[in-house]
PDB file of N, CA and C in Angstrom:
ATOM      1  N   MET A   1      20.690  12.840   1.893  1.00  0.00           N
ATOM      2  CA  MET A   1      20.770  14.021   2.848  1.00  0.00           C
ATOM      3  C   MET A   1      19.774  14.532   3.654  1.00  0.00           C
ATOM      4  N   TYR A   2      19.669  14.571   4.629  1.00  0.00           N
ATOM      5  CA  TYR A   2      19.082  14.889   5.778  1.00  0.00           C
ATOM      6  C   TYR A   2      18.418  16.319   5.795  1.00  0.00           C
ATOM      7  N   ILE A   3      17.374  16.771   6.126  1.00  0.00           N
ATOM      8  CA  ILE A   3      16.679  17.983   6.343  1.00  0.00           C
ATOM      9  C   ILE A   3      16.082  18.186   8.205  1.00  0.00           C
ATOM     10  N   HIS A   4      16.312  19.364   8.278  1.00  0.00           N
ATOM     11  CA  HIS A   4      15.788  19.558   9.920  1.00  0.00           C
ATOM     12  C   HIS A   4      14.689  20.425   9.657  1.00  0.00           C
ATOM     13  N   ILE A   5      13.367  19.877   9.546  1.00  0.00           N
ATOM     14  CA  ILE A   5      12.131  20.567   9.450  1.00  0.00           C
ATOM     15  C   ILE A   5      11.547  21.266  10.787  1.00  0.00           C
ATOM     16  N   GLY A   6      12.075  21.493  11.870  1.00  0.00           N
ATOM     17  CA  GLY A   6      11.326  22.378  12.769  1.00  0.00           C
ATOM     18  C   GLY A   6      10.954  20.985  13.761  1.00  0.00           C
ATOM     19  N   ASN A   7      10.956  22.175  14.853  1.00  0.00           N
ATOM     20  CA  ASN A   7      10.474  20.891  16.059  1.00  0.00           C
ATOM     21  C   ASN A   7      11.248  19.842  16.777  1.00  0.00           C
ATOM     22  N   SER A   8      12.200  19.747  16.183  1.00  0.00           N
ATOM     23  CA  SER A   8      13.619  18.455  16.742  1.00  0.00           C
ATOM     24  C   SER A   8      13.082  17.290  15.437  1.00  0.00           C
ATOM     25  N   ASN A   9      12.489  17.833  14.472  1.00  0.00           N
ATOM     26  CA  ASN A   9      12.658  16.746  13.441  1.00  0.00           C
ATOM     27  C   ASN A   9      13.439  16.918  12.597  1.00  0.00           C
ATOM     28  N   ILE A  10      13.788  15.770  12.179  1.00  0.00           N
ATOM     29  CA  ILE A  10      15.221  15.446  11.136  1.00  0.00           C
ATOM     30  C   ILE A  10      14.382  14.603  10.183  1.00  0.00           C
ATOM     31  N   VAL A  11      14.158  14.356   9.107  1.00  0.00           N
ATOM     32  CA  VAL A  11      13.642  13.884   8.093  1.00  0.00           C
ATOM     33  C   VAL A  11      14.491  13.391   6.861  1.00  0.00           C
ATOM     34  N   ASN A  12      14.702  12.302   6.079  1.00  0.00           N
ATOM     35  CA  ASN A  12      15.687  12.028   4.714  1.00  0.00           C
ATOM     36  C   ASN A  12      14.886  13.017   3.768  1.00  0.00           C
ATOM     37  N   PHE A  13      15.561  13.849   2.960  1.00  0.00           N
ATOM     38  CA  PHE A  13      15.085  14.737   1.980  1.00  0.00           C
ATOM     39  C   PHE A  13      14.673  13.522   0.514  1.00  0.00           C
ATOM     40  N   LYS A  14      14.572  12.715   0.721  1.00  0.00           N
ATOM     41  CA  LYS A  14      14.328  11.565  -0.547  1.00  0.00           C
ATOM     42  C   LYS A  14      12.802  11.244  -0.217  1.00  0.00           C
ATOM     43  N   ASP A  15      12.698  11.239   1.177  1.00  0.00           N
ATOM     44  CA  ASP A  15      11.261  10.591   1.758  1.00  0.00           C
ATOM     45  C   ASP A  15      10.239  11.838   1.707  1.00  0.00           C
ATOM     46  N   VAL A  16      10.369  12.901   1.559  1.00  0.00           N
ATOM     47  CA  VAL A  16       9.722  14.003   1.491  1.00  0.00           C
ATOM     48  C   VAL A  16       9.227  13.883  -0.001  1.00  0.00           C
ATOM     49  N   ILE A  17       7.699  14.176   0.626  1.00  0.00           N
ATOM     50  CA  ILE A  17       6.827  14.215  -0.756  1.00  0.00           C
ATOM     51  C   ILE A  17       6.167  15.574  -1.015  1.00  0.00           C
ATOM     52  N   GLY A  18       6.230  16.621  -0.070  1.00  0.00           N
ATOM     53  CA  GLY A  18       5.878  17.557  -0.357  1.00  0.00           C
ATOM     54  C   GLY A  18       5.966  18.716   1.038  1.00  0.00           C
ATOM     55  N   PHE A  19       6.406  19.991   0.949  1.00  0.00           N
ATOM     56  CA  PHE A  19       6.018  20.993   2.012  1.00  0.00           C
ATOM     57  C   PHE A  19       4.896  21.945   1.610  1.00  0.00           C
ATOM     58  N   PHE A  20       3.774  22.024   2.728  1.00  0.00           N
ATOM     59  CA  PHE A  20       2.860  22.729   2.296  1.00  0.00           C
ATOM     60  C   PHE A  20       2.391  23.716   3.344  1.00  0.00           C
ATOM     61  N   ASP A  21       2.390  24.910   2.668  1.00  0.00           N
ATOM     62  CA  ASP A  21       1.871  26.468   3.431  1.00  0.00           C
ATOM     63  C   ASP A  21       0.453  25.892   4.063  1.00  0.00           C
ATOM     64  N   TYR A  22       0.034  26.038   5.165  1.00  0.00           N
ATOM     65  CA  TYR A  22      -1.324  25.248   5.880  1.00  0.00           C
ATOM     66  C   TYR A  22      -2.246  26.600   5.231  1.00  0.00           C
ATOM     67  N   LYS A  23      -1.555  27.982   5.369  1.00  0.00           N
ATOM     68  CA  LYS A  23      -2.838  28.767   5.042  1.00  0.00           C
ATOM     69  C   LYS A  23      -3.733  28.711   3.827  1.00  0.00           C
ATOM     70  N   ILE A  24      -2.607  27.923   2.866  1.00  0.00           N
ATOM     71  CA  ILE A  24      -3.823  27.739   1.488  1.00  0.00           C
ATOM     72  C   ILE A  24      -4.112  26.488   1.299  1.00  0.00           C
ATOM     73  N   LEU A  25      -3.867  25.570   2.400  1.00  0.00           N
ATOM     74  CA  LEU A  25      -5.061  24.164   2.405  1.00  0.00           C
ATOM     75  C   LEU A  25      -6.221  24.409   3.120  1.00  0.00           C
ATOM     76  N   ASP A  26      -6.928  23.826   1.908  1.00  0.00           N
ATOM     77  CA  ASP A  26      -8.661  23.894   2.096  1.00  0.00           C
ATOM     78  C   ASP A  26      -8.905  23.397   3.492  1.00  0.00           C
ATOM     79  N   GLU A  27      -9.964  23.831   4.127  1.00  0.00           N
ATOM     80  CA  GLU A  27     -10.352  23.498   5.179  1.00  0.00           C
ATOM     81  C   GLU A  27     -10.674  21.938   5.391  1.00  0.00           C
ATOM     82  N   ASN A  28     -11.256  21.501   4.410  1.00  0.00           N
ATOM     83  CA  ASN A  28     -11.130  19.724   4.596  1.00  0.00           C
ATOM     84  C   ASN A  28     -10.265  19.250   4.609  1.00  0.00           C
ATOM     85  N   ILE A  29      -9.140  19.312   3.473  1.00  0.00           N
ATOM     86  CA  ILE A  29      -7.997  18.994   3.958  1.00  0.00           C
ATOM     87  C   ILE A  29      -7.088  18.891   5.325  1.00  0.00           C
ATOM     88  N   GLU A  30      -7.053  20.270   5.675  1.00  0.00           N
ATOM     89  CA  GLU A  30      -6.524  20.652   6.982  1.00  0.00           C
ATOM     90  C   GLU A  30      -7.084  19.606   8.224  1.00  0.00           C
ATOM     91  N   LYS A  31      -8.569  19.402   7.846  1.00  0.00           N
ATOM     92  CA  LYS A  31      -9.055  18.368   9.086  1.00  0.00           C
ATOM     93  C   LYS A  31      -8.508  17.244   9.481  1.00  0.00           C
ATOM     94  N   ASN A  32      -8.437  16.823   7.683  1.00  0.00           N
ATOM     95  CA  ASN A  32      -8.037  15.407   7.955  1.00  0.00           C
ATOM     96  C   ASN A  32      -6.400  15.336   7.915  1.00  0.00           C
ATOM     97  N   ILE A  33      -5.483  16.101   7.986  1.00  0.00           N
ATOM     98  CA  ILE A  33      -4.291  16.117   8.212  1.00  0.00           C
ATOM     99  C   ILE A  33      -3.886  16.266   9.572  1.00  0.00           C
ATOM    100  N   ILE A  34      -4.550  16.684  10.425  1.00  0.00           N
ATOM    101  CA  ILE A  34      -4.224  17.465  11.346  1.00  0.00           C
ATOM    102  C   ILE A  34      -5.136  17.644  12.497  1.00  0.00           C
ATOM    103  N   ASN A  35      -4.842  17.744  13.936  1.00  0.00           N
ATOM    104  CA  ASN A  35      -5.963  17.907  15.365  1.00  0.00           C
ATOM    105  C   ASN A  35      -6.423  19.930  15.321  1.00  0.00           C
ATOM    106  N   LYS A  36      -7.342  19.827  14.950  1.00  0.00           N
ATOM    107  CA  LYS A  36      -7.807  21.344  14.749  1.00  0.00           C
ATOM    108  C   LYS A  36      -7.176  21.963  15.853  1.00  0.00           C
ATOM    109  N   LYS A  37      -7.084  21.509  17.116  1.00  0.00           N
ATOM    110  CA  LYS A  37      -6.975  22.287  18.127  1.00  0.00           C
ATOM    111  C   LYS A  37      -5.398  22.346  18.428  1.00  0.00           C
ATOM    112  N   GLU A  38      -4.899  21.275  18.045  1.00  0.00           N
ATOM    113  CA  GLU A  38      -3.178  21.312  17.856  1.00  0.00           C
ATOM    114  C   GLU A  38      -3.048  22.437  16.889  1.00  0.00           C
ATOM    115  N   PHE A  39      -3.840  22.706  16.097  1.00  0.00           N
ATOM    116  CA  PHE A  39      -2.970  23.649  14.733  1.00  0.00           C
ATOM    117  C   PHE A  39      -3.068  24.704  15.794  1.00  0.00           C
ATOM    118  N   GLU A  40      -4.660  25.019  16.026  1.00  0.00           N
ATOM    119  CA  GLU A  40      -4.971  26.626  16.332  1.00  0.00           C
ATOM    120  C   GLU A  40      -3.729  26.971  17.660  1.00  0.00           C
ATOM    121  N   GLU A  41      -3.522  25.951  18.450  1.00  0.00           N
ATOM    122  CA  GLU A  41      -2.870  26.346  19.569  1.00  0.00           C
ATOM    123  C   GLU A  41      -0.973  26.663  19.415  1.00  0.00           C
ATOM    124  N   SER A  42      -1.028  26.101  18.126  1.00  0.00           N
ATOM    125  CA  SER A  42       0.577  26.063  18.119  1.00  0.00           C
ATOM    126  C   SER A  42       0.722  27.653  16.619  1.00  0.00           C
ATOM    127  N   LYS A  43       2.012  27.686  16.326  1.00  0.00           N
ATOM    128  CA  LYS A  43       2.320  28.707  15.593  1.00  0.00           C
ATOM    129  C   LYS A  43       3.359  27.759  14.091  1.00  0.00           C
ATOM    130  N   ILE A  44       1.963  26.939  13.824  1.00  0.00           N
ATOM    131  CA  ILE A  44       2.524  26.738  12.562  1.00  0.00           C
ATOM    132  C   ILE A  44       2.651  27.235  11.680  1.00  0.00           C
ATOM    133  N   LYS A  45       3.841  27.109  10.368  1.00  0.00           N
ATOM    134  CA  LYS A  45       3.613  27.456   9.690  1.00  0.00           C
ATOM    135  C   LYS A  45       3.671  26.567   8.550  1.00  0.00           C
ATOM    136  N   SER A  46       3.777  25.589   8.547  1.00  0.00           N
ATOM    137  CA  SER A  46       3.841  24.763   7.237  1.00  0.00           C
ATOM    138  C   SER A  46       3.588  23.011   7.694  1.00  0.00           C
ATOM    139  N   ILE A  47       3.276  22.275   6.760  1.00  0.00           N
ATOM    140  CA  ILE A  47       2.996  21.041   7.156  1.00  0.00           C
ATOM    141  C   ILE A  47       3.869  20.285   6.019  1.00  0.00           C
ATOM    142  N   VAL A  48       4.528  19.192   6.426  1.00  0.00           N
ATOM    143  CA  VAL A  48       5.734  18.258   5.714  1.00  0.00           C
ATOM    144  C   VAL A  48       5.058  16.465   5.695  1.00  0.00           C
ATOM    145  N   ILE A  49       4.565  16.459   4.754  1.00  0.00           N
ATOM    146  CA  ILE A  49       4.344  15.203   4.246  1.00  0.00           C
ATOM    147  C   ILE A  49       5.299  14.395   3.594  1.00  0.00           C
ATOM    148  N   THR A  50       5.475  13.174   4.420  1.00  0.00           N
ATOM    149  CA  THR A  50       6.806  12.076   4.113  1.00  0.00           C
ATOM    150  C   THR A  50       6.387  10.826   3.755  1.00  0.00           C
ATOM    151  N   GLU A  51       6.820  10.074   2.996  1.00  0.00           N
ATOM    152  CA  GLU A  51       6.715   8.555   2.963  1.00  0.00           C
ATOM    153  C   GLU A  51       8.099   7.638   2.862  1.00  0.00           C
ATOM    154  N   LYS A  52       8.066   6.704   3.927  1.00  0.00           N
ATOM    155  CA  LYS A  52       9.204   5.975   3.996  1.00  0.00           C
ATOM    156  C   LYS A  52       8.230   4.675   4.278  1.00  0.00           C
ATOM    157  N   ASN A  53       8.835   3.665   3.571  1.00  0.00           N
ATOM    158  CA  ASN A  53       8.699   2.519   3.774  1.00  0.00           C
ATOM    159  C   ASN A  53       6.578   2.112   3.543  1.00  0.00           C
ATOM    160  N   LYS A  54       6.271   2.678   2.740  1.00  0.00           N
ATOM    161  CA  LYS A  54       5.002   2.837   2.441  1.00  0.00           C
ATOM    162  C   LYS A  54       4.406   3.577   3.593  1.00  0.00           C
ATOM    163  N   GLU A  55       4.712   4.040   4.190  1.00  0.00           N
ATOM    164  CA  GLU A  55       3.963   4.757   5.868  1.00  0.00           C
ATOM    165  C   GLU A  55       4.399   6.420   5.300  1.00  0.00           C
ATOM    166  N   ILE A  56       3.134   7.209   5.621  1.00  0.00           N
ATOM    167  CA  ILE A  56       3.241   8.323   5.627  1.00  0.00           C
ATOM    168  C   ILE A  56       2.654   9.073   6.703  1.00  0.00           C
ATOM    169  N   LYS A  57       3.782   9.972   6.541  1.00  0.00           N
ATOM    170  CA  LYS A  57       3.661  10.748   7.716  1.00  0.00           C
ATOM    171  C   LYS A  57       3.175  12.312   7.669  1.00  0.00           C
ATOM    172  N   ASN A  58       2.707  12.532   8.774  1.00  0.00           N
ATOM    173  CA  ASN A  58       2.726  14.602   8.590  1.00  0.00           C
ATOM    174  C   ASN A  58       3.611  15.247   9.431  1.00  0.00           C
ATOM    175  N   TYR A  59       4.395  16.096   9.424  1.00  0.00           N
ATOM    176  CA  TYR A  59       5.050  16.884  10.587  1.00  0.00           C
ATOM    177  C   TYR A  59       4.157  18.439  10.390  1.00  0.00           C
ATOM    178  N   LEU A  60       4.103  18.586  11.359  1.00  0.00           N
ATOM    179  CA  LEU A  60       3.751  20.283  11.439  1.00  0.00           C
ATOM    180  C   LEU A  60       4.979  20.843  11.809  1.00  0.00           C
ATOM    181  N   SER A  61       5.484  22.055  11.069  1.00  0.00           N
ATOM    182  CA  SER A  61       6.477  22.586  11.353  1.00  0.00           C
ATOM    183  C   SER A  61       6.707  24.148  11.620  1.00  0.00           C
ATOM    184  N   ASN A  62       6.831  24.611  12.223  1.00  0.00           N
ATOM    185  CA  ASN A  62       7.228  26.170  12.411  1.00  0.00           C
ATOM    186  C   ASN A  62       7.757  27.015  11.564  1.00  0.00           C
ATOM    187  N   ILE A  63       8.485  26.241  10.637  1.00  0.00           N
ATOM    188  CA  ILE A  63       9.627  26.698   9.816  1.00  0.00           C
ATOM    189  C   ILE A  63       8.677  27.305   8.461  1.00  0.00           C
ATOM    190  N   SER A  64       8.816  28.489   7.982  1.00  0.00           N
ATOM    191  CA  SER A  64       8.244  28.516   6.430  1.00  0.00           C
ATOM    192  C   SER A  64       8.426  27.525   5.204  1.00  0.00           C
ATOM    193  N   THR A  65       7.716  27.327   4.427  1.00  0.00           N
ATOM    194  CA  THR A  65       7.587  26.462   3.660  1.00  0.00           C
ATOM    195  C   THR A  65       8.879  26.845   2.445  1.00  0.00           C
ATOM    196  N   ILE A  66       9.138  28.528   2.159  1.00  0.00           N
ATOM    197  CA  ILE A  66      10.218  29.290   1.608  1.00  0.00           C
ATOM    198  C   ILE A  66      11.385  28.722   2.092  1.00  0.00           C
ATOM    199  N   THR A  67      11.593  29.043   3.543  1.00  0.00           N
ATOM    200  CA  THR A  67      12.994  28.170   4.441  1.00  0.00           C
ATOM    201  C   THR A  67      13.453  26.753   4.259  1.00  0.00           C
ATOM    202  N   LEU A  68      12.097  26.116   4.269  1.00  0.00           N
ATOM    203  CA  LEU A  68      12.417  24.526   4.305  1.00  0.00           C
ATOM    204  C   LEU A  68      13.032  24.308   2.835  1.00  0.00           C
ATOM    205  N   GLN A  69      12.275  24.698   1.995  1.00  0.00           N
ATOM    206  CA  GLN A  69      12.902  24.360   0.357  1.00  0.00           C
ATOM    207  C   GLN A  69      14.140  24.838   0.149  1.00  0.00           C
ATOM    208  N   LYS A  70      14.564  26.267   0.702  1.00  0.00           N
ATOM    209  CA  LYS A  70      16.172  26.559   0.672  1.00  0.00           C
ATOM    210  C   LYS A  70      17.091  25.428   1.333  1.00  0.00           C
ATOM    211  N   ARG A  71      16.866  24.704   2.512  1.00  0.00           N
ATOM    212  CA  ARG A  71      17.250  23.714   3.178  1.00  0.00           C
ATOM    213  C   ARG A  71      17.534  22.617   2.565  1.00  0.00           C
ATOM    214  N   LYS A  72      17.205  22.106   1.454  1.00  0.00           N
ATOM    215  CA  LYS A  72      17.440  20.832   0.316  1.00  0.00           C
ATOM    216  C   LYS A  72      18.349  21.372  -0.277  1.00  0.00           C
ATOM    217  N   VAL A  73      18.853  22.390  -0.148  1.00  0.00           N
ATOM    218  CA  VAL A  73      20.068  22.661  -0.969  1.00  0.00           C
ATOM    219  C   VAL A  73      21.476  22.301  -0.519  1.00  0.00           C
TER     220      VAL A  73
END
């Protein structure tokens, strides 16, 4: 099953490691995941982390974690 995670990104749900609300991330983790300037300029509500073929990718999403979790069903 595929899930639309916002910003024209669609991922296979089985590849999703987790949906994370950016507001609750520790500042050190936040700096490692995304570019701070990019983060501040956009209206990011969540970060989606996926793994496919042993490659981990991070997606910034303008969709809340609650909405993303509802989409998985």
